[in-house]
Amino acid sequence: MMQALMTFLIGNTNISTTEIYPHVAPLGRPLPAVTVSLDSAQRTRAFDGPVQIREADFQVDAWSKTQAQATDLAREIIGEIENYRGDMAGIYVKRIDIEGEDTGFDRATELYRHSLFFTAWHS
């Protein structure tokens, strides 16, 4: 599911960057950038066996030299994936919900971050 989400974001023309990476963006790449991490994935079970719906929790971070640009990029991402339903790079997504947001500054890279926390239900 993580690769499907990254492919969807990279191919989405409503998001103002294609600099989208798993976990960590390489140093020296153009900004703004996005990192995607899978926080957890659960397979649902019922009394009679596994259910075909899976749940995945993601953290998507928008990075930039200014907080305003990081927040603008985060808003673009929210607009494209919150409440998303349908095919996402070959995986059927039943729904994506935003669970929360956070902002911060990374002193090591001197970049601002706007973090988004999503839950996706997919088969």
PDB file of N, CA and C in Angstrom:
ATOM      1  N   MET A   1       0.823  -1.196   0.000  1.00  0.00           N
ATOM      2  CA  MET A   1       0.000   0.000   0.000  1.00  0.00           C
ATOM      3  C   MET A   1       0.868   1.263   0.000  1.00  0.00           C
ATOM      4  N   MET A   2       2.019   1.200   0.665  1.00  0.00           N
ATOM      5  CA  MET A   2       2.867   2.390   0.715  1.00  0.00           C
ATOM      6  C   MET A   2       3.350   2.774  -0.686  1.00  0.00           C
ATOM      7  N   GLN A   3       3.778   1.790  -1.473  1.00  0.00           N
ATOM      8  CA  GLN A   3       4.235   2.083  -2.828  1.00  0.00           C
ATOM      9  C   GLN A   3       3.090   2.634  -3.670  1.00  0.00           C
ATOM     10  N   ALA A   4       1.886   2.103  -3.492  1.00  0.00           N
ATOM     11  CA  ALA A   4       0.718   2.595  -4.228  1.00  0.00           C
ATOM     12  C   ALA A   4       0.440   4.053  -3.880  1.00  0.00           C
ATOM     13  N   LEU A   5       0.538   4.399  -2.601  1.00  0.00           N
ATOM     14  CA  LEU A   5       0.319   5.782  -2.182  1.00  0.00           C
ATOM     15  C   LEU A   5       1.380   6.701  -2.783  1.00  0.00           C
ATOM     16  N   MET A   6       2.630   6.272  -2.767  1.00  0.00           N
ATOM     17  CA  MET A   6       3.693   7.099  -3.339  1.00  0.00           C
ATOM     18  C   MET A   6       3.493   7.277  -4.843  1.00  0.00           C
ATOM     19  N   THR A   7       3.152   6.216  -5.549  1.00  0.00           N
ATOM     20  CA  THR A   7       2.905   6.299  -6.995  1.00  0.00           C
ATOM     21  C   THR A   7       1.756   7.256  -7.284  1.00  0.00           C
ATOM     22  N   PHE A   8       0.707   7.178  -6.477  1.00  0.00           N
ATOM     23  CA  PHE A   8      -0.443   8.074  -6.635  1.00  0.00           C
ATOM     24  C   PHE A   8      -0.033   9.529  -6.438  1.00  0.00           C
ATOM     25  N   LEU A   9       0.737   9.810  -5.401  1.00  0.00           N
ATOM     26  CA  LEU A   9       1.162  11.187  -5.131  1.00  0.00           C
ATOM     27  C   LEU A   9       2.095  11.713  -6.215  1.00  0.00           C
ATOM     28  N   ILE A  10       3.038  10.897  -6.662  1.00  0.00           N
ATOM     29  CA  ILE A  10       3.986  11.327  -7.699  1.00  0.00           C
ATOM     30  C   ILE A  10       3.256  11.647  -8.996  1.00  0.00           C
ATOM     31  N   GLY A  11       2.251  10.868  -9.349  1.00  0.00           N
ATOM     32  CA  GLY A  11       1.527  11.068 -10.598  1.00  0.00           C
ATOM     33  C   GLY A  11       0.410  12.075 -10.533  1.00  0.00           C
ATOM     34  N   ASN A  12       0.212  12.704  -9.388  1.00  0.00           N
ATOM     35  CA  ASN A  12      -0.911  13.620  -9.201  1.00  0.00           C
ATOM     36  C   ASN A  12      -0.492  15.045  -9.545  1.00  0.00           C
ATOM     37  N   THR A  13      -1.098  15.597 -10.577  1.00  0.00           N
ATOM     38  CA  THR A  13      -0.721  16.944 -11.037  1.00  0.00           C
ATOM     39  C   THR A  13      -1.225  18.057 -10.122  1.00  0.00           C
ATOM     40  N   ASN A  14      -2.081  17.754  -9.164  1.00  0.00           N
ATOM     41  CA  ASN A  14      -2.559  18.767  -8.221  1.00  0.00           C
ATOM     42  C   ASN A  14      -1.621  18.948  -7.024  1.00  0.00           C
ATOM     43  N   ILE A  15      -0.544  18.191  -6.992  1.00  0.00           N
ATOM     44  CA  ILE A  15       0.452  18.313  -5.929  1.00  0.00           C
ATOM     45  C   ILE A  15       1.695  18.956  -6.545  1.00  0.00           C
ATOM     46  N   SER A  16       2.181  20.010  -5.915  1.00  0.00           N
ATOM     47  CA  SER A  16       3.183  20.886  -6.526  1.00  0.00           C
ATOM     48  C   SER A  16       4.621  20.363  -6.488  1.00  0.00           C
ATOM     49  N   THR A  17       4.825  19.096  -6.166  1.00  0.00           N
ATOM     50  CA  THR A  17       6.169  18.521  -6.230  1.00  0.00           C
ATOM     51  C   THR A  17       6.078  17.057  -6.640  1.00  0.00           C
ATOM     52  N   THR A  18       7.129  16.570  -7.291  1.00  0.00           N
ATOM     53  CA  THR A  18       7.256  15.138  -7.560  1.00  0.00           C
ATOM     54  C   THR A  18       8.414  14.560  -6.747  1.00  0.00           C
ATOM     55  N   GLU A  19       8.954  15.379  -5.853  1.00  0.00           N
ATOM     56  CA  GLU A  19      10.036  14.940  -4.962  1.00  0.00           C
ATOM     57  C   GLU A  19       9.393  14.213  -3.782  1.00  0.00           C
ATOM     58  N   ILE A  20       9.061  12.929  -3.982  1.00  0.00           N
ATOM     59  CA  ILE A  20       8.335  12.131  -2.988  1.00  0.00           C
ATOM     60  C   ILE A  20       9.138  10.862  -2.744  1.00  0.00           C
ATOM     61  N   TYR A  21       9.455  10.609  -1.473  1.00  0.00           N
ATOM     62  CA  TYR A  21      10.385   9.545  -1.116  1.00  0.00           C
ATOM     63  C   TYR A  21       9.846   8.700   0.033  1.00  0.00           C
ATOM     64  N   PRO A  22      10.300   7.433   0.086  1.00  0.00           N
ATOM     65  CA  PRO A  22       9.963   6.612   1.252  1.00  0.00           C
ATOM     66  C   PRO A  22      10.850   6.990   2.436  1.00  0.00           C
ATOM     67  N   HIS A  23      10.267   7.277   3.541  1.00  0.00           N
ATOM     68  CA  HIS A  23      10.931   7.503   4.834  1.00  0.00           C
ATOM     69  C   HIS A  23      11.787   8.765   4.928  1.00  0.00           C
ATOM     70  N   VAL A  24      12.805   8.917   4.073  1.00  0.00           N
ATOM     71  CA  VAL A  24      13.759  10.022   4.188  1.00  0.00           C
ATOM     72  C   VAL A  24      14.059  10.561   2.790  1.00  0.00           C
ATOM     73  N   ALA A  25      14.050  11.866   2.657  1.00  0.00           N
ATOM     74  CA  ALA A  25      14.429  12.480   1.379  1.00  0.00           C
ATOM     75  C   ALA A  25      15.951  12.585   1.308  1.00  0.00           C
ATOM     76  N   PRO A  26      16.540  12.266   0.165  1.00  0.00           N
ATOM     77  CA  PRO A  26      17.999  12.409   0.032  1.00  0.00           C
ATOM     78  C   PRO A  26      18.427  13.868   0.183  1.00  0.00           C
ATOM     79  N   LEU A  27      19.556  14.096   0.800  1.00  0.00           N
ATOM     80  CA  LEU A  27      20.078  15.454   0.948  1.00  0.00           C
ATOM     81  C   LEU A  27      20.404  16.044  -0.420  1.00  0.00           C
ATOM     82  N   GLY A  28      20.177  17.334  -0.553  1.00  0.00           N
ATOM     83  CA  GLY A  28      20.530  18.029  -1.772  1.00  0.00           C
ATOM     84  C   GLY A  28      19.479  17.991  -2.866  1.00  0.00           C
ATOM     85  N   ARG A  29      18.357  17.328  -2.649  1.00  0.00           N
ATOM     86  CA  ARG A  29      17.292  17.272  -3.650  1.00  0.00           C
ATOM     87  C   ARG A  29      16.483  18.568  -3.598  1.00  0.00           C
ATOM     88  N   PRO A  30      15.794  18.918  -4.694  1.00  0.00           N
ATOM     89  CA  PRO A  30      14.973  20.139  -4.707  1.00  0.00           C
ATOM     90  C   PRO A  30      13.852  20.092  -3.662  1.00  0.00           C
ATOM     91  N   LEU A  31      13.485  21.278  -3.224  1.00  0.00           N
ATOM     92  CA  LEU A  31      12.380  21.422  -2.263  1.00  0.00           C
ATOM     93  C   LEU A  31      11.243  22.170  -2.929  1.00  0.00           C
ATOM     94  N   PRO A  32      10.027  22.012  -2.485  1.00  0.00           N
ATOM     95  CA  PRO A  32       9.615  21.194  -1.350  1.00  0.00           C
ATOM     96  C   PRO A  32       9.680  19.705  -1.691  1.00  0.00           C
ATOM     97  N   ALA A  33       9.624  18.886  -0.649  1.00  0.00           N
ATOM     98  CA  ALA A  33       9.669  17.438  -0.805  1.00  0.00           C
ATOM     99  C   ALA A  33       8.666  16.797   0.145  1.00  0.00           C
ATOM    100  N   VAL A  34       8.358  15.539  -0.132  1.00  0.00           N
ATOM    101  CA  VAL A  34       7.413  14.772   0.675  1.00  0.00           C
ATOM    102  C   VAL A  34       8.065  13.449   1.038  1.00  0.00           C
ATOM    103  N   THR A  35       7.887  13.022   2.292  1.00  0.00           N
ATOM    104  CA  THR A  35       8.288  11.676   2.696  1.00  0.00           C
ATOM    105  C   THR A  35       7.042  10.925   3.168  1.00  0.00           C
ATOM    106  N   VAL A  36       7.027   9.630   2.877  1.00  0.00           N
ATOM    107  CA  VAL A  36       5.893   8.771   3.224  1.00  0.00           C
ATOM    108  C   VAL A  36       6.413   7.601   4.043  1.00  0.00           C
ATOM    109  N   SER A  37       5.777   7.336   5.182  1.00  0.00           N
ATOM    110  CA  SER A  37       6.147   6.207   6.034  1.00  0.00           C
ATOM    111  C   SER A  37       4.915   5.429   6.424  1.00  0.00           C
ATOM    112  N   LEU A  38       5.034   4.114   6.417  1.00  0.00           N
ATOM    113  CA  LEU A  38       3.977   3.241   6.917  1.00  0.00           C
ATOM    114  C   LEU A  38       4.217   3.064   8.405  1.00  0.00           C
ATOM    115  N   ASP A  39       3.300   3.583   9.227  1.00  0.00           N
ATOM    116  CA  ASP A  39       3.454   3.470  10.677  1.00  0.00           C
ATOM    117  C   ASP A  39       3.044   2.096  11.182  1.00  0.00           C
ATOM    118  N   SER A  40       1.945   1.561  10.641  1.00  0.00           N
ATOM    119  CA  SER A  40       1.494   0.226  11.036  1.00  0.00           C
ATOM    120  C   SER A  40       0.514  -0.298  10.001  1.00  0.00           C
ATOM    121  N   ALA A  41       0.395  -1.617   9.959  1.00  0.00           N
ATOM    122  CA  ALA A  41      -0.560  -2.270   9.065  1.00  0.00           C
ATOM    123  C   ALA A  41      -1.193  -3.439   9.815  1.00  0.00           C
ATOM    124  N   GLN A  42      -2.493  -3.517   9.744  1.00  0.00           N
ATOM    125  CA  GLN A  42      -3.212  -4.587  10.432  1.00  0.00           C
ATOM    126  C   GLN A  42      -4.061  -5.359   9.436  1.00  0.00           C
ATOM    127  N   ARG A  43      -4.130  -6.645   9.656  1.00  0.00           N
ATOM    128  CA  ARG A  43      -5.040  -7.496   8.888  1.00  0.00           C
ATOM    129  C   ARG A  43      -6.190  -7.851   9.809  1.00  0.00           C
ATOM    130  N   THR A  44      -7.380  -7.528   9.380  1.00  0.00           N
ATOM    131  CA  THR A  44      -8.565  -7.756  10.199  1.00  0.00           C
ATOM    132  C   THR A  44      -8.966  -9.224  10.151  1.00  0.00           C
ATOM    133  N   ARG A  45      -9.385  -9.755  11.284  1.00  0.00           N
ATOM    134  CA  ARG A  45      -9.858 -11.137  11.369  1.00  0.00           C
ATOM    135  C   ARG A  45     -11.245 -11.150  11.984  1.00  0.00           C
ATOM    136  N   ALA A  46     -12.031 -12.092  11.511  1.00  0.00           N
ATOM    137  CA  ALA A  46     -13.344 -12.351  12.094  1.00  0.00           C
ATOM    138  C   ALA A  46     -13.292 -13.750  12.709  1.00  0.00           C
ATOM    139  N   PHE A  47     -14.342 -14.148  13.372  1.00  0.00           N
ATOM    140  CA  PHE A  47     -14.347 -15.473  14.003  1.00  0.00           C
ATOM    141  C   PHE A  47     -14.167 -16.599  12.988  1.00  0.00           C
ATOM    142  N   ASP A  48     -14.621 -16.393  11.772  1.00  0.00           N
ATOM    143  CA  ASP A  48     -14.521 -17.446  10.758  1.00  0.00           C
ATOM    144  C   ASP A  48     -13.305 -17.287   9.850  1.00  0.00           C
ATOM    145  N   GLY A  49     -12.353 -16.410  10.205  1.00  0.00           N
ATOM    146  CA  GLY A  49     -11.128 -16.278   9.419  1.00  0.00           C
ATOM    147  C   GLY A  49     -10.821 -14.848   9.042  1.00  0.00           C
ATOM    148  N   PRO A  50      -9.833 -14.674   8.157  1.00  0.00           N
ATOM    149  CA  PRO A  50      -9.423 -13.323   7.769  1.00  0.00           C
ATOM    150  C   PRO A  50     -10.488 -12.602   6.951  1.00  0.00           C
ATOM    151  N   VAL A  51     -10.543 -11.306   7.151  1.00  0.00           N
ATOM    152  CA  VAL A  51     -11.420 -10.434   6.375  1.00  0.00           C
ATOM    153  C   VAL A  51     -10.551  -9.806   5.285  1.00  0.00           C
ATOM    154  N   GLN A  52     -11.113  -9.527   4.149  1.00  0.00           N
ATOM    155  CA  GLN A  52     -10.335  -9.027   3.023  1.00  0.00           C
ATOM    156  C   GLN A  52      -9.968  -7.551   3.122  1.00  0.00           C
ATOM    157  N   ILE A  53     -10.395  -6.881   4.178  1.00  0.00           N
ATOM    158  CA  ILE A  53     -10.074  -5.467   4.348  1.00  0.00           C
ATOM    159  C   ILE A  53      -8.852  -5.337   5.255  1.00  0.00           C
ATOM    160  N   ARG A  54      -7.892  -4.522   4.818  1.00  0.00           N
ATOM    161  CA  ARG A  54      -6.696  -4.252   5.606  1.00  0.00           C
ATOM    162  C   ARG A  54      -6.700  -2.784   6.017  1.00  0.00           C
ATOM    163  N   GLU A  55      -6.037  -2.524   7.116  1.00  0.00           N
ATOM    164  CA  GLU A  55      -5.935  -1.148   7.613  1.00  0.00           C
ATOM    165  C   GLU A  55      -4.459  -0.770   7.663  1.00  0.00           C
ATOM    166  N   ALA A  56      -4.122   0.410   7.155  1.00  0.00           N
ATOM    167  CA  ALA A  56      -2.746   0.889   7.167  1.00  0.00           C
ATOM    168  C   ALA A  56      -2.715   2.323   7.667  1.00  0.00           C
ATOM    169  N   ASP A  57      -1.807   2.599   8.587  1.00  0.00           N
ATOM    170  CA  ASP A  57      -1.625   3.945   9.124  1.00  0.00           C
ATOM    171  C   ASP A  57      -0.345   4.533   8.533  1.00  0.00           C
ATOM    172  N   PHE A  58      -0.472   5.730   7.945  1.00  0.00           N
ATOM    173  CA  PHE A  58       0.640   6.383   7.271  1.00  0.00           C
ATOM    174  C   PHE A  58       0.956   7.722   7.904  1.00  0.00           C
ATOM    175  N   GLN A  59       2.222   8.094   7.819  1.00  0.00           N
ATOM    176  CA  GLN A  59       2.643   9.458   8.111  1.00  0.00           C
ATOM    177  C   GLN A  59       3.191  10.028   6.819  1.00  0.00           C
ATOM    178  N   VAL A  60       2.648  11.167   6.414  1.00  0.00           N
ATOM    179  CA  VAL A  60       3.106  11.854   5.212  1.00  0.00           C
ATOM    180  C   VAL A  60       3.616  13.216   5.658  1.00  0.00           C
ATOM    181  N   ASP A  61       4.898  13.488   5.384  1.00  0.00           N
ATOM    182  CA  ASP A  61       5.523  14.738   5.814  1.00  0.00           C
ATOM    183  C   ASP A  61       5.823  15.618   4.613  1.00  0.00           C
ATOM    184  N   ALA A  62       5.405  16.870   4.672  1.00  0.00           N
ATOM    185  CA  ALA A  62       5.741  17.883   3.669  1.00  0.00           C
ATOM    186  C   ALA A  62       6.896  18.701   4.243  1.00  0.00           C
ATOM    187  N   TRP A  63       7.989  18.834   3.472  1.00  0.00           N
ATOM    188  CA  TRP A  63       9.203  19.518   3.919  1.00  0.00           C
ATOM    189  C   TRP A  63       9.483  20.722   3.036  1.00  0.00           C
ATOM    190  N   SER A  64       9.912  21.824   3.649  1.00  0.00           N
ATOM    191  CA  SER A  64      10.246  23.017   2.874  1.00  0.00           C
ATOM    192  C   SER A  64      11.131  23.943   3.694  1.00  0.00           C
ATOM    193  N   LYS A  65      11.628  24.982   3.017  1.00  0.00           N
ATOM    194  CA  LYS A  65      12.440  25.989   3.701  1.00  0.00           C
ATOM    195  C   LYS A  65      11.592  26.969   4.485  1.00  0.00           C
ATOM    196  N   THR A  66      10.272  26.997   4.231  1.00  0.00           N
ATOM    197  CA  THR A  66       9.366  27.856   5.002  1.00  0.00           C
ATOM    198  C   THR A  66       8.190  27.037   5.504  1.00  0.00           C
ATOM    199  N   GLN A  67       7.678  27.423   6.669  1.00  0.00           N
ATOM    200  CA  GLN A  67       6.515  26.725   7.211  1.00  0.00           C
ATOM    201  C   GLN A  67       5.297  26.914   6.311  1.00  0.00           C
ATOM    202  N   ALA A  68       5.158  28.113   5.735  1.00  0.00           N
ATOM    203  CA  ALA A  68       4.008  28.387   4.868  1.00  0.00           C
ATOM    204  C   ALA A  68       4.000  27.452   3.657  1.00  0.00           C
ATOM    205  N   GLN A  69       5.152  27.236   3.036  1.00  0.00           N
ATOM    206  CA  GLN A  69       5.199  26.353   1.867  1.00  0.00           C
ATOM    207  C   GLN A  69       4.963  24.898   2.265  1.00  0.00           C
ATOM    208  N   ALA A  70       5.477  24.471   3.410  1.00  0.00           N
ATOM    209  CA  ALA A  70       5.225  23.107   3.888  1.00  0.00           C
ATOM    210  C   ALA A  70       3.740  22.906   4.152  1.00  0.00           C
ATOM    211  N   THR A  71       3.103  23.889   4.752  1.00  0.00           N
ATOM    212  CA  THR A  71       1.666  23.809   5.033  1.00  0.00           C
ATOM    213  C   THR A  71       0.849  23.824   3.749  1.00  0.00           C
ATOM    214  N   ASP A  72       1.213  24.655   2.786  1.00  0.00           N
ATOM    215  CA  ASP A  72       0.508  24.664   1.500  1.00  0.00           C
ATOM    216  C   ASP A  72       0.592  23.301   0.822  1.00  0.00           C
ATOM    217  N   LEU A  73       1.769  22.687   0.833  1.00  0.00           N
ATOM    218  CA  LEU A  73       1.943  21.367   0.237  1.00  0.00           C
ATOM    219  C   LEU A  73       1.115  20.323   0.988  1.00  0.00           C
ATOM    220  N   ALA A  74       1.095  20.410   2.305  1.00  0.00           N
ATOM    221  CA  ALA A  74       0.277  19.481   3.098  1.00  0.00           C
ATOM    222  C   ALA A  74      -1.201  19.617   2.737  1.00  0.00           C
ATOM    223  N   ARG A  75      -1.668  20.829   2.537  1.00  0.00           N
ATOM    224  CA  ARG A  75      -3.072  21.058   2.142  1.00  0.00           C
ATOM    225  C   ARG A  75      -3.372  20.438   0.774  1.00  0.00           C
ATOM    226  N   GLU A  76      -2.421  20.537  -0.147  1.00  0.00           N
ATOM    227  CA  GLU A  76      -2.591  19.902  -1.465  1.00  0.00           C
ATOM    228  C   GLU A  76      -2.745  18.387  -1.311  1.00  0.00           C
ATOM    229  N   ILE A  77      -1.907  17.800  -0.468  1.00  0.00           N
ATOM    230  CA  ILE A  77      -1.959  16.353  -0.240  1.00  0.00           C
ATOM    231  C   ILE A  77      -3.281  15.959   0.388  1.00  0.00           C
ATOM    232  N   ILE A  78      -3.716  16.712   1.402  1.00  0.00           N
ATOM    233  CA  ILE A  78      -5.009  16.429   2.037  1.00  0.00           C
ATOM    234  C   ILE A  78      -6.122  16.464   0.997  1.00  0.00           C
ATOM    235  N   GLY A  79      -6.106  17.472   0.143  1.00  0.00           N
ATOM    236  CA  GLY A  79      -7.150  17.613  -0.865  1.00  0.00           C
ATOM    237  C   GLY A  79      -7.231  16.441  -1.822  1.00  0.00           C
ATOM    238  N   GLU A  80      -6.117  15.765  -2.036  1.00  0.00           N
ATOM    239  CA  GLU A  80      -6.103  14.650  -2.985  1.00  0.00           C
ATOM    240  C   GLU A  80      -6.361  13.288  -2.356  1.00  0.00           C
ATOM    241  N   ILE A  81      -5.998  13.098  -1.080  1.00  0.00           N
ATOM    242  CA  ILE A  81      -6.150  11.745  -0.531  1.00  0.00           C
ATOM    243  C   ILE A  81      -7.164  11.598   0.590  1.00  0.00           C
ATOM    244  N   GLU A  82      -7.574  12.690   1.234  1.00  0.00           N
ATOM    245  CA  GLU A  82      -8.588  12.536   2.278  1.00  0.00           C
ATOM    246  C   GLU A  82      -9.906  12.097   1.636  1.00  0.00           C
ATOM    247  N   ASN A  83     -10.520  11.087   2.205  1.00  0.00           N
ATOM    248  CA  ASN A  83     -11.782  10.498   1.723  1.00  0.00           C
ATOM    249  C   ASN A  83     -11.647   9.820   0.365  1.00  0.00           C
ATOM    250  N   TYR A  84     -10.418   9.541  -0.084  1.00  0.00           N
ATOM    251  CA  TYR A  84     -10.207   8.899  -1.380  1.00  0.00           C
ATOM    252  C   TYR A  84     -10.824   7.508  -1.375  1.00  0.00           C
ATOM    253  N   ARG A  85     -11.467   7.170  -2.484  1.00  0.00           N
ATOM    254  CA  ARG A  85     -12.007   5.830  -2.716  1.00  0.00           C
ATOM    255  C   ARG A  85     -11.706   5.455  -4.162  1.00  0.00           C
ATOM    256  N   GLY A  86     -11.290   4.229  -4.398  1.00  0.00           N
ATOM    257  CA  GLY A  86     -11.062   3.775  -5.757  1.00  0.00           C
ATOM    258  C   GLY A  86      -9.715   3.115  -5.919  1.00  0.00           C
ATOM    259  N   ASP A  87      -9.331   2.926  -7.179  1.00  0.00           N
ATOM    260  CA  ASP A  87      -8.071   2.265  -7.494  1.00  0.00           C
ATOM    261  C   ASP A  87      -6.899   3.213  -7.234  1.00  0.00           C
ATOM    262  N   MET A  88      -5.886   2.681  -6.572  1.00  0.00           N
ATOM    263  CA  MET A  88      -4.665   3.437  -6.320  1.00  0.00           C
ATOM    264  C   MET A  88      -3.497   2.541  -6.698  1.00  0.00           C
ATOM    265  N   ALA A  89      -3.018   2.698  -7.924  1.00  0.00           N
ATOM    266  CA  ALA A  89      -1.880   1.912  -8.421  1.00  0.00           C
ATOM    267  C   ALA A  89      -2.113   0.414  -8.246  1.00  0.00           C
ATOM    268  N   GLY A  90      -3.316  -0.042  -8.574  1.00  0.00           N
ATOM    269  CA  GLY A  90      -3.627  -1.462  -8.536  1.00  0.00           C
ATOM    270  C   GLY A  90      -4.177  -1.986  -7.227  1.00  0.00           C
ATOM    271  N   ILE A  91      -4.296  -1.140  -6.227  1.00  0.00           N
ATOM    272  CA  ILE A  91      -4.880  -1.541  -4.944  1.00  0.00           C
ATOM    273  C   ILE A  91      -6.210  -0.814  -4.789  1.00  0.00           C
ATOM    274  N   TYR A  92      -7.258  -1.567  -4.413  1.00  0.00           N
ATOM    275  CA  TYR A  92      -8.553  -0.925  -4.236  1.00  0.00           C
ATOM    276  C   TYR A  92      -8.615  -0.321  -2.836  1.00  0.00           C
ATOM    277  N   VAL A  93      -8.773   0.997  -2.783  1.00  0.00           N
ATOM    278  CA  VAL A  93      -8.854   1.729  -1.517  1.00  0.00           C
ATOM    279  C   VAL A  93     -10.323   1.966  -1.191  1.00  0.00           C
ATOM    280  N   LYS A  94     -10.722   1.498  -0.035  1.00  0.00           N
ATOM    281  CA  LYS A  94     -12.109   1.693   0.390  1.00  0.00           C
ATOM    282  C   LYS A  94     -12.325   3.088   0.966  1.00  0.00           C
ATOM    283  N   ARG A  95     -11.289   3.618   1.645  1.00  0.00           N
ATOM    284  CA  ARG A  95     -11.402   4.964   2.210  1.00  0.00           C
ATOM    285  C   ARG A  95     -10.072   5.362   2.840  1.00  0.00           C
ATOM    286  N   ILE A  96      -9.762   6.657   2.782  1.00  0.00           N
ATOM    287  CA  ILE A  96      -8.613   7.211   3.498  1.00  0.00           C
ATOM    288  C   ILE A  96      -9.117   8.375   4.349  1.00  0.00           C
ATOM    289  N   ASP A  97      -8.805   8.334   5.627  1.00  0.00           N
ATOM    290  CA  ASP A  97      -9.190   9.399   6.560  1.00  0.00           C
ATOM    291  C   ASP A  97      -7.952  10.053   7.142  1.00  0.00           C
ATOM    292  N   ILE A  98      -8.008  11.359   7.326  1.00  0.00           N
ATOM    293  CA  ILE A  98      -6.937  12.041   8.043  1.00  0.00           C
ATOM    294  C   ILE A  98      -7.240  11.919   9.536  1.00  0.00           C
ATOM    295  N   GLU A  99      -6.216  11.540  10.297  1.00  0.00           N
ATOM    296  CA  GLU A  99      -6.374  11.347  11.740  1.00  0.00           C
ATOM    297  C   GLU A  99      -5.814  12.520  12.530  1.00  0.00           C
ATOM    298  N   GLY A 100      -4.847  13.248  11.937  1.00  0.00           N
ATOM    299  CA  GLY A 100      -4.268  14.372  12.658  1.00  0.00           C
ATOM    300  C   GLY A 100      -3.162  15.039  11.868  1.00  0.00           C
ATOM    301  N   GLU A 101      -2.651  16.133  12.432  1.00  0.00           N
ATOM    302  CA  GLU A 101      -1.581  16.914  11.815  1.00  0.00           C
ATOM    303  C   GLU A 101      -0.632  17.395  12.895  1.00  0.00           C
ATOM    304  N   ASP A 102       0.568  17.752  12.455  1.00  0.00           N
ATOM    305  CA  ASP A 102       1.576  18.278  13.369  1.00  0.00           C
ATOM    306  C   ASP A 102       2.548  19.118  12.535  1.00  0.00           C
ATOM    307  N   THR A 103       3.165  20.107  13.146  1.00  0.00           N
ATOM    308  CA  THR A 103       4.178  20.897  12.447  1.00  0.00           C
ATOM    309  C   THR A 103       5.446  20.937  13.290  1.00  0.00           C
ATOM    310  N   GLY A 104       6.551  21.241  12.629  1.00  0.00           N
ATOM    311  CA  GLY A 104       7.796  21.321  13.373  1.00  0.00           C
ATOM    312  C   GLY A 104       8.932  21.844  12.521  1.00  0.00           C
ATOM    313  N   PHE A 105      10.089  21.939  13.143  1.00  0.00           N
ATOM    314  CA  PHE A 105      11.304  22.419  12.486  1.00  0.00           C
ATOM    315  C   PHE A 105      12.411  21.435  12.807  1.00  0.00           C
ATOM    316  N   ASP A 106      13.135  20.982  11.786  1.00  0.00           N
ATOM    317  CA  ASP A 106      14.244  20.054  11.962  1.00  0.00           C
ATOM    318  C   ASP A 106      15.545  20.847  11.966  1.00  0.00           C
ATOM    319  N   ARG A 107      16.191  20.921  13.112  1.00  0.00           N
ATOM    320  CA  ARG A 107      17.406  21.731  13.235  1.00  0.00           C
ATOM    321  C   ARG A 107      18.573  21.175  12.404  1.00  0.00           C
ATOM    322  N   ALA A 108      18.626  19.872  12.243  1.00  0.00           N
ATOM    323  CA  ALA A 108      19.739  19.272  11.490  1.00  0.00           C
ATOM    324  C   ALA A 108      19.701  19.671  10.015  1.00  0.00           C
ATOM    325  N   THR A 109      18.509  19.722   9.433  1.00  0.00           N
ATOM    326  CA  THR A 109      18.386  20.066   8.011  1.00  0.00           C
ATOM    327  C   THR A 109      17.964  21.508   7.790  1.00  0.00           C
ATOM    328  N   GLU A 110      17.547  22.172   8.868  1.00  0.00           N
ATOM    329  CA  GLU A 110      16.998  23.536   8.818  1.00  0.00           C
ATOM    330  C   GLU A 110      15.797  23.615   7.887  1.00  0.00           C
ATOM    331  N   LEU A 111      14.938  22.602   7.975  1.00  0.00           N
ATOM    332  CA  LEU A 111      13.715  22.549   7.175  1.00  0.00           C
ATOM    333  C   LEU A 111      12.492  22.506   8.074  1.00  0.00           C
ATOM    334  N   TYR A 112      11.415  23.091   7.578  1.00  0.00           N
ATOM    335  CA  TYR A 112      10.130  23.036   8.248  1.00  0.00           C
ATOM    336  C   TYR A 112       9.369  21.799   7.759  1.00  0.00           C
ATOM    337  N   ARG A 113       8.546  21.255   8.655  1.00  0.00           N
ATOM    338  CA  ARG A 113       7.803  20.038   8.373  1.00  0.00           C
ATOM    339  C   ARG A 113       6.336  20.236   8.730  1.00  0.00           C
ATOM    340  N   HIS A 114       5.466  19.710   7.886  1.00  0.00           N
ATOM    341  CA  HIS A 114       4.038  19.630   8.211  1.00  0.00           C
ATOM    342  C   HIS A 114       3.665  18.160   8.039  1.00  0.00           C
ATOM    343  N   SER A 115       3.384  17.497   9.159  1.00  0.00           N
ATOM    344  CA  SER A 115       3.095  16.066   9.152  1.00  0.00           C
ATOM    345  C   SER A 115       1.602  15.811   9.115  1.00  0.00           C
ATOM    346  N   LEU A 116       1.228  14.806   8.338  1.00  0.00           N
ATOM    347  CA  LEU A 116      -0.159  14.362   8.221  1.00  0.00           C
ATOM    348  C   LEU A 116      -0.215  12.888   8.620  1.00  0.00           C
ATOM    349  N   PHE A 117      -1.246  12.529   9.367  1.00  0.00           N
ATOM    350  CA  PHE A 117      -1.420  11.146   9.802  1.00  0.00           C
ATOM    351  C   PHE A 117      -2.718  10.618   9.206  1.00  0.00           C
ATOM    352  N   PHE A 118      -2.610   9.585   8.364  1.00  0.00           N
ATOM    353  CA  PHE A 118      -3.757   9.037   7.636  1.00  0.00           C
ATOM    354  C   PHE A 118      -3.957   7.573   7.991  1.00  0.00           C
ATOM    355  N   THR A 119      -5.206   7.134   7.919  1.00  0.00           N
ATOM    356  CA  THR A 119      -5.554   5.728   7.963  1.00  0.00           C
ATOM    357  C   THR A 119      -6.214   5.367   6.662  1.00  0.00           C
ATOM    358  N   ALA A 120      -5.741   4.271   6.046  1.00  0.00           N
ATOM    359  CA  ALA A 120      -6.320   3.794   4.786  1.00  0.00           C
ATOM    360  C   ALA A 120      -6.871   2.389   4.997  1.00  0.00           C
ATOM    361  N   TRP A 121      -8.067   2.159   4.495  1.00  0.00           N
ATOM    362  CA  TRP A 121      -8.665   0.827   4.480  1.00  0.00           C
ATOM    363  C   TRP A 121      -8.647   0.357   3.035  1.00  0.00           C
ATOM    364  N   HIS A 122      -8.069  -0.809   2.805  1.00  0.00           N
ATOM    365  CA  HIS A 122      -7.919  -1.274   1.421  1.00  0.00           C
ATOM    366  C   HIS A 122      -8.017  -2.796   1.357  1.00  0.00           C
ATOM    367  N   SER A 123      -8.150  -3.308   0.148  1.00  0.00           N
ATOM    368  CA  SER A 123      -8.187  -4.769  -0.020  1.00  0.00           C
ATOM    369  C   SER A 123      -7.004  -5.225  -0.837  1.00  0.00           C
TER     370      SER A 123
END
